[in-house]
Amino acid sequence: LLKPNEWSYCDYFWTDKKDPQGTTSVAGFEVLLQKQLKGKQMQKEMAEFIHERIKIEEEYAKNLSKLSLSPLAAQEEGTLGEAWTQMKKSLHDEAEVHLKFSNKLHSEVEKPLLTFRGDNFKKDLKKYDHHIADLRKQLASRYASVEKARKALADRQKDLEVKTQQLEVKLSNKTEEDIKKARRKSTQAGDDLMRCVDLYNQTQSKWFEEMVTTSMELEKLEVERIEWIQQHLRQYTTLRHETDMFNQSTVEPVDQLLQNVDPAKDRELWVKENKTGEVRPVDMDI
C-alpha cells in the first residue's frame, strides 16, 4: 500500500467494480467520481433541509407576532395586568428572535451550503474523468499491441524452428539464406515485442502516476467538503443555542413581573377605582 493504515483512495480503486448482477463493471476511478457527485447532491439536499427549517421559523415568528397583538384579556388590571401585558410583549420579542435566527440561518448556513463548489465543479470532474479514461484506453491499446507482438514472435520462432528442422532432414529445398531470413524476422519480432512492452510500461507508469495524483486530489476534495459542512452545521447549533438564550431573555421580564403580582395590591387598586361608597346600612331606630 502507498499509504498504509490510512484507507487512502490511492490504494483501493485500481480494479473495476462489478454490479450486483455481474453483467457490467465500473472503473475504480469512476467510483471515486460518483462519490464526489453524491457528495454534491447531499450538500444540496442539506441546503434544502435548512431552507425548510427557515420557512418554519419564519412562519412561527409571523404567528407569534400576530398573537402578541391579540386583544384577549387586554382589560386585566393591576399587577397581574402588567404581567399579562409583558407576556404578550414577550411574544413579539420572541418573534424578533426567531426572525433573526431564520435570517442568520439563510446567510450563515443555507447560502454557504448552496454556493460551495458551483457549476464548474462538475466540469472539473468531467476533465478528470476524460483524462483518466483516455489513459486507460491508451493502456488497453498498448496491452493489445504487446499481445499481438507476442503472438507474432511466437509465430516467427515456430516458423524458424520448422524451417531449421526441414533443412536438417533434407525434407525441403530451403537454403541457408531462407534460414537467415527467418532468423532475421524472428529477431525483428523480438525487437517489436520489446518496443511494445516498453511503450506499455511507459503508458502504465503514466497512468499509475495520474491515478495516484488524481485520486489524492479527489480525497482532498472530499475532506474539504466534509469539513465545510461540519463547520456550517456547527454554526447552525451555535445559532440555535443563541436563540435559546435570547428566548430566555424575553421571558425574564415576565418572570419578574409575575413575582411582583400582589392580589392585595390589585384589590386595593381596583377598589379605589371602582368603589361606590363607604356608608354602610345601620340598624333602624323606632
Protein backbone atom coordinates (compact mmCIF):
# COMPACT_ATOMS: atom_id res chain seq x y z
CA LEU A 1 0.00 0.00 0.00
CA LEU A 2 1.13 3.52 -0.77
CA LYS A 3 -0.39 4.91 2.44
CA PRO A 4 -0.80 2.06 4.94
CA ASN A 5 -3.45 2.36 7.66
CA GLU A 6 -4.99 5.49 6.11
CA TRP A 7 -7.61 3.89 3.86
CA SER A 8 -6.50 6.29 1.18
CA TYR A 9 -8.23 6.45 -2.19
CA CYS A 10 -4.90 5.88 -3.93
CA ASP A 11 -4.68 2.31 -2.57
CA TYR A 12 -8.11 0.80 -3.10
CA PHE A 13 -9.58 1.75 -6.51
CA TRP A 14 -7.29 0.16 -9.08
CA THR A 15 -9.64 -2.54 -10.36
CA ASP A 16 -13.12 -2.34 -11.83
CA LYS A 17 -16.18 -2.90 -9.68
CA LYS A 18 -18.90 -5.22 -10.94
CA ASP A 19 -22.54 -4.52 -10.33
CA PRO A 20 -24.52 -6.98 -8.15
CA GLN A 21 -25.67 -8.87 -11.26
CA GLY A 22 -22.10 -9.12 -12.51
CA THR A 23 -23.11 -8.05 -16.01
CA THR A 24 -21.35 -4.71 -16.18
CA SER A 25 -18.46 -3.14 -14.37
CA VAL A 26 -17.46 0.36 -13.32
CA ALA A 27 -13.87 1.58 -13.28
CA GLY A 28 -12.43 2.16 -9.83
CA PHE A 29 -11.80 5.80 -10.68
CA GLU A 30 -15.42 6.15 -11.78
CA VAL A 31 -16.48 5.00 -8.30
CA LEU A 32 -14.45 7.90 -6.85
CA LEU A 33 -16.13 10.37 -9.21
CA GLN A 34 -19.57 9.04 -8.29
CA LYS A 35 -18.68 9.65 -4.64
CA GLN A 36 -17.93 13.29 -5.45
CA LEU A 37 -21.22 13.71 -7.32
CA LYS A 38 -23.13 12.07 -4.48
CA GLY A 39 -21.44 14.42 -2.03
CA LYS A 40 -22.53 17.39 -4.14
CA GLN A 41 -26.11 16.08 -4.10
CA MET A 42 -26.04 15.52 -0.32
CA GLN A 43 -24.80 19.07 0.15
CA LYS A 44 -27.68 20.36 -1.98
CA GLU A 45 -30.23 18.32 -0.02
CA MET A 46 -28.84 19.62 3.28
CA ALA A 47 -29.32 23.17 1.99
CA GLU A 48 -32.92 22.28 1.09
CA PHE A 49 -33.44 20.91 4.59
CA ILE A 50 -32.14 24.12 6.17
CA HIS A 51 -34.39 26.11 3.81
CA GLU A 52 -37.41 24.20 5.13
CA ARG A 53 -36.21 24.92 8.67
CA ILE A 54 -36.04 28.62 7.80
CA LYS A 55 -39.61 28.57 6.48
CA ILE A 56 -40.80 27.02 9.75
CA GLU A 57 -39.00 29.71 11.75
CA GLU A 58 -40.45 32.49 9.59
CA GLU A 59 -43.96 31.12 9.93
CA TYR A 60 -43.51 30.68 13.67
CA ALA A 61 -42.24 34.25 14.03
CA LYS A 62 -45.17 35.55 11.99
CA ASN A 63 -47.70 33.71 14.18
CA LEU A 64 -46.03 34.83 17.40
CA SER A 65 -46.05 38.44 16.26
CA LYS A 66 -49.71 38.19 15.28
CA LEU A 67 -50.63 36.62 18.61
CA SER A 68 -48.80 39.35 20.52
CA LEU A 69 -51.30 41.87 19.13
CA SER A 70 -54.31 39.90 20.36
CA PRO A 71 -56.79 41.93 22.43
CA LEU A 72 -57.61 38.93 24.60
CA ALA A 73 -57.57 39.76 28.32
CA ALA A 74 -56.46 43.30 27.50
CA GLN A 75 -58.71 44.63 30.28
CA GLU A 76 -56.87 42.77 33.02
CA GLU A 77 -55.80 45.27 35.69
CA GLY A 78 -53.24 45.83 38.38
CA THR A 79 -50.01 43.94 38.83
CA LEU A 80 -51.46 40.89 37.09
CA GLY A 81 -52.46 43.10 34.15
CA GLU A 82 -48.88 44.40 33.93
CA ALA A 83 -47.52 40.85 33.89
CA TRP A 84 -50.06 39.83 31.23
CA THR A 85 -49.15 42.83 29.05
CA GLN A 86 -45.45 41.96 29.37
CA MET A 87 -46.20 38.36 28.45
CA LYS A 88 -47.84 39.46 25.23
CA LYS A 89 -44.94 41.79 24.51
CA SER A 90 -42.53 38.91 25.10
CA LEU A 91 -44.20 37.08 22.21
CA HIS A 92 -43.32 39.99 19.93
CA ASP A 93 -39.75 39.96 21.24
CA GLU A 94 -39.55 36.21 20.76
CA ALA A 95 -40.86 36.60 17.22
CA GLU A 96 -37.99 39.01 16.52
CA VAL A 97 -35.53 36.45 17.90
CA HIS A 98 -36.83 33.72 15.60
CA LEU A 99 -36.89 36.06 12.62
CA LYS A 100 -33.25 36.96 13.21
CA PHE A 101 -32.48 33.25 13.62
CA SER A 102 -34.07 32.48 10.25
CA ASN A 103 -32.13 35.30 8.58
CA LYS A 104 -28.84 34.06 10.02
CA LEU A 105 -29.67 30.51 9.01
CA HIS A 106 -30.03 31.72 5.45
CA SER A 107 -26.83 33.78 5.32
CA GLU A 108 -24.59 31.63 7.53
CA VAL A 109 -25.77 28.07 6.80
CA GLU A 110 -28.08 27.66 3.79
CA LYS A 111 -26.28 30.01 1.40
CA PRO A 112 -22.77 28.65 2.08
CA LEU A 113 -24.05 25.10 1.54
CA LEU A 114 -25.62 26.11 -1.76
CA THR A 115 -22.68 28.09 -3.10
CA PHE A 116 -19.86 25.73 -2.04
CA ARG A 117 -18.39 24.45 -5.30
CA GLY A 118 -20.54 25.90 -8.04
CA ASP A 119 -21.42 24.66 -11.51
CA ASN A 120 -17.77 24.44 -12.58
CA PHE A 121 -17.23 21.60 -10.12
CA LYS A 122 -18.97 19.04 -12.34
CA LYS A 123 -16.99 20.29 -15.34
CA ASP A 124 -13.77 19.77 -13.41
CA LEU A 125 -14.84 16.23 -12.55
CA LYS A 126 -15.51 15.53 -16.24
CA LYS A 127 -11.99 16.69 -17.05
CA TYR A 128 -10.62 14.23 -14.52
CA ASP A 129 -12.85 11.51 -15.94
CA HIS A 130 -11.85 12.11 -19.56
CA HIS A 131 -8.16 12.32 -18.68
CA ILE A 132 -8.06 9.03 -16.78
CA ALA A 133 -10.35 7.34 -19.31
CA ASP A 134 -8.00 8.35 -22.16
CA LEU A 135 -5.05 6.90 -20.27
CA ARG A 136 -6.97 3.65 -19.69
CA LYS A 137 -7.73 3.44 -23.42
CA GLN A 138 -4.08 4.03 -24.25
CA LEU A 139 -3.08 1.36 -21.75
CA ALA A 140 -5.56 -1.11 -23.22
CA SER A 141 -4.27 -0.33 -26.72
CA ARG A 142 -0.66 -0.83 -25.59
CA TYR A 143 -1.59 -4.13 -23.97
CA ALA A 144 -3.26 -5.31 -27.16
CA SER A 145 -0.11 -4.36 -29.09
CA VAL A 146 2.03 -6.36 -26.66
CA GLU A 147 -0.18 -9.42 -27.07
CA LYS A 148 -0.13 -9.05 -30.85
CA ALA A 149 3.67 -8.70 -30.86
CA ARG A 150 3.98 -11.66 -28.50
CA LYS A 151 1.92 -13.81 -30.88
CA ALA A 152 3.91 -12.57 -33.86
CA LEU A 153 7.17 -13.53 -32.14
CA ALA A 154 5.82 -16.99 -31.31
CA ASP A 155 4.80 -17.47 -34.95
CA ARG A 156 8.22 -16.34 -36.22
CA GLN A 157 10.03 -18.59 -33.78
CA LYS A 158 7.88 -21.55 -34.78
CA ASP A 159 8.47 -20.80 -38.47
CA LEU A 160 12.23 -20.64 -37.89
CA GLU A 161 12.14 -23.89 -35.94
CA VAL A 162 10.18 -25.70 -38.67
CA LYS A 163 12.46 -24.48 -41.46
CA THR A 164 15.54 -25.43 -39.48
CA GLN A 165 14.21 -28.98 -38.91
CA GLN A 166 13.27 -29.34 -42.58
CA LEU A 167 16.74 -28.34 -43.65
CA GLU A 168 18.34 -30.78 -41.23
CA VAL A 169 16.36 -33.78 -42.54
CA LYS A 170 16.54 -32.55 -46.12
CA LEU A 171 12.73 -32.54 -46.48
CA SER A 172 12.86 -29.20 -48.18
CA ASN A 173 14.94 -27.29 -50.66
CA LYS A 174 15.31 -24.47 -48.16
CA THR A 175 18.68 -22.82 -48.32
CA GLU A 176 20.76 -21.27 -45.62
CA GLU A 177 19.58 -17.91 -46.90
CA ASP A 178 15.98 -18.86 -46.09
CA ILE A 179 17.05 -19.78 -42.58
CA LYS A 180 18.85 -16.46 -42.17
CA LYS A 181 15.77 -14.62 -43.43
CA ALA A 182 13.52 -16.45 -40.96
CA ARG A 183 16.01 -15.76 -38.18
CA ARG A 184 16.04 -12.04 -39.02
CA LYS A 185 12.25 -11.95 -38.96
CA SER A 186 12.27 -13.72 -35.60
CA THR A 187 14.80 -11.24 -34.22
CA GLN A 188 12.74 -8.34 -35.58
CA ALA A 189 9.62 -9.77 -33.96
CA GLY A 190 11.52 -9.96 -30.68
CA ASP A 191 12.60 -6.34 -31.06
CA ASP A 192 9.00 -5.34 -31.83
CA LEU A 193 7.81 -7.10 -28.70
CA MET A 194 10.43 -5.34 -26.57
CA ARG A 195 9.40 -1.99 -28.07
CA CYS A 196 5.71 -2.71 -27.40
CA VAL A 197 6.45 -3.77 -23.84
CA ASP A 198 8.50 -0.61 -23.32
CA LEU A 199 5.64 1.56 -24.64
CA TYR A 200 3.17 -0.33 -22.46
CA ASN A 201 5.33 0.21 -19.38
CA GLN A 202 5.67 3.92 -20.16
CA THR A 203 1.90 4.27 -20.52
CA GLN A 204 1.28 2.15 -17.45
CA SER A 205 3.68 4.32 -15.43
CA LYS A 206 1.93 7.50 -16.56
CA TRP A 207 -1.49 6.02 -15.78
CA PHE A 208 -0.25 4.95 -12.34
CA GLU A 209 1.12 8.42 -11.57
CA GLU A 210 -2.03 10.17 -12.78
CA MET A 211 -4.29 7.76 -10.87
CA VAL A 212 -2.38 8.38 -7.64
CA THR A 213 -2.25 12.16 -8.15
CA THR A 214 -5.90 12.50 -9.18
CA SER A 215 -7.30 10.10 -6.57
CA MET A 216 -5.40 12.01 -3.89
CA GLU A 217 -6.88 15.24 -5.23
CA LEU A 218 -10.38 13.74 -5.02
CA GLU A 219 -9.62 12.56 -1.50
CA LYS A 220 -8.58 16.10 -0.58
CA LEU A 221 -11.79 17.48 -2.10
CA GLU A 222 -13.87 15.07 -0.03
CA VAL A 223 -12.10 16.07 3.17
CA GLU A 224 -12.72 19.74 2.33
CA ARG A 225 -16.41 19.04 1.65
CA ILE A 226 -16.92 17.22 4.95
CA GLU A 227 -15.08 19.88 6.94
CA TRP A 228 -17.02 22.67 5.19
CA ILE A 229 -20.36 21.05 6.01
CA GLN A 230 -19.23 20.29 9.55
CA GLN A 231 -18.26 23.93 10.04
CA HIS A 232 -21.63 25.26 8.91
CA LEU A 233 -23.70 22.66 10.73
CA ARG A 234 -21.81 23.66 13.86
CA GLN A 235 -22.77 27.24 13.04
CA TYR A 236 -26.37 26.03 12.98
CA THR A 237 -26.03 24.64 16.52
CA THR A 238 -24.33 27.84 17.66
CA LEU A 239 -27.19 29.94 16.31
CA ARG A 240 -29.65 27.55 17.89
CA HIS A 241 -28.03 27.95 21.30
CA GLU A 242 -28.03 31.73 20.86
CA THR A 243 -31.71 31.63 20.00
CA ASP A 244 -32.48 29.70 23.17
CA MET A 245 -30.51 32.25 25.18
CA PHE A 246 -32.30 35.21 23.58
CA ASN A 247 -35.66 33.50 24.04
CA GLN A 248 -34.87 33.07 27.70
CA SER A 249 -34.13 36.79 27.97
CA THR A 250 -37.58 37.62 26.54
CA VAL A 251 -39.36 35.83 29.39
CA GLU A 252 -37.17 37.15 32.21
CA PRO A 253 -39.17 40.43 32.48
CA VAL A 254 -42.34 38.33 32.56
CA ASP A 255 -40.91 36.22 35.38
CA GLN A 256 -40.03 39.37 37.31
CA LEU A 257 -43.49 40.88 36.94
CA LEU A 258 -45.15 37.58 37.83
CA GLN A 259 -43.12 37.52 41.03
CA ASN A 260 -44.43 41.00 41.81
CA VAL A 261 -48.07 40.09 41.32
CA ASP A 262 -49.84 41.03 44.56
CA PRO A 263 -53.52 40.14 44.95
CA ALA A 264 -53.87 42.54 47.90
CA LYS A 265 -52.45 45.45 45.94
CA ASP A 266 -54.59 44.62 42.93
CA ARG A 267 -57.65 44.57 45.18
CA GLU A 268 -56.67 47.91 46.65
CA LEU A 269 -56.23 49.50 43.24
CA TRP A 270 -59.47 48.07 41.95
CA VAL A 271 -61.46 49.11 44.97
CA LYS A 272 -60.11 52.67 44.87
CA GLU A 273 -61.12 52.97 41.26
CA ASN A 274 -64.47 51.26 41.43
CA LYS A 275 -65.80 51.83 44.96
CA THR A 276 -69.38 53.02 45.24
CA GLY A 277 -69.46 54.32 48.77
CA GLU A 278 -68.35 53.64 52.32
CA VAL A 279 -71.66 54.28 54.14
CA ARG A 280 -72.94 51.00 55.44
CA PRO A 281 -76.51 50.29 56.36
CA VAL A 282 -77.25 50.56 60.07
CA ASP A 283 -80.00 49.30 62.32
CA MET A 284 -83.13 51.38 62.26
CA ASP A 285 -84.41 53.02 65.43
CA ILE A 286 -88.16 53.29 66.20
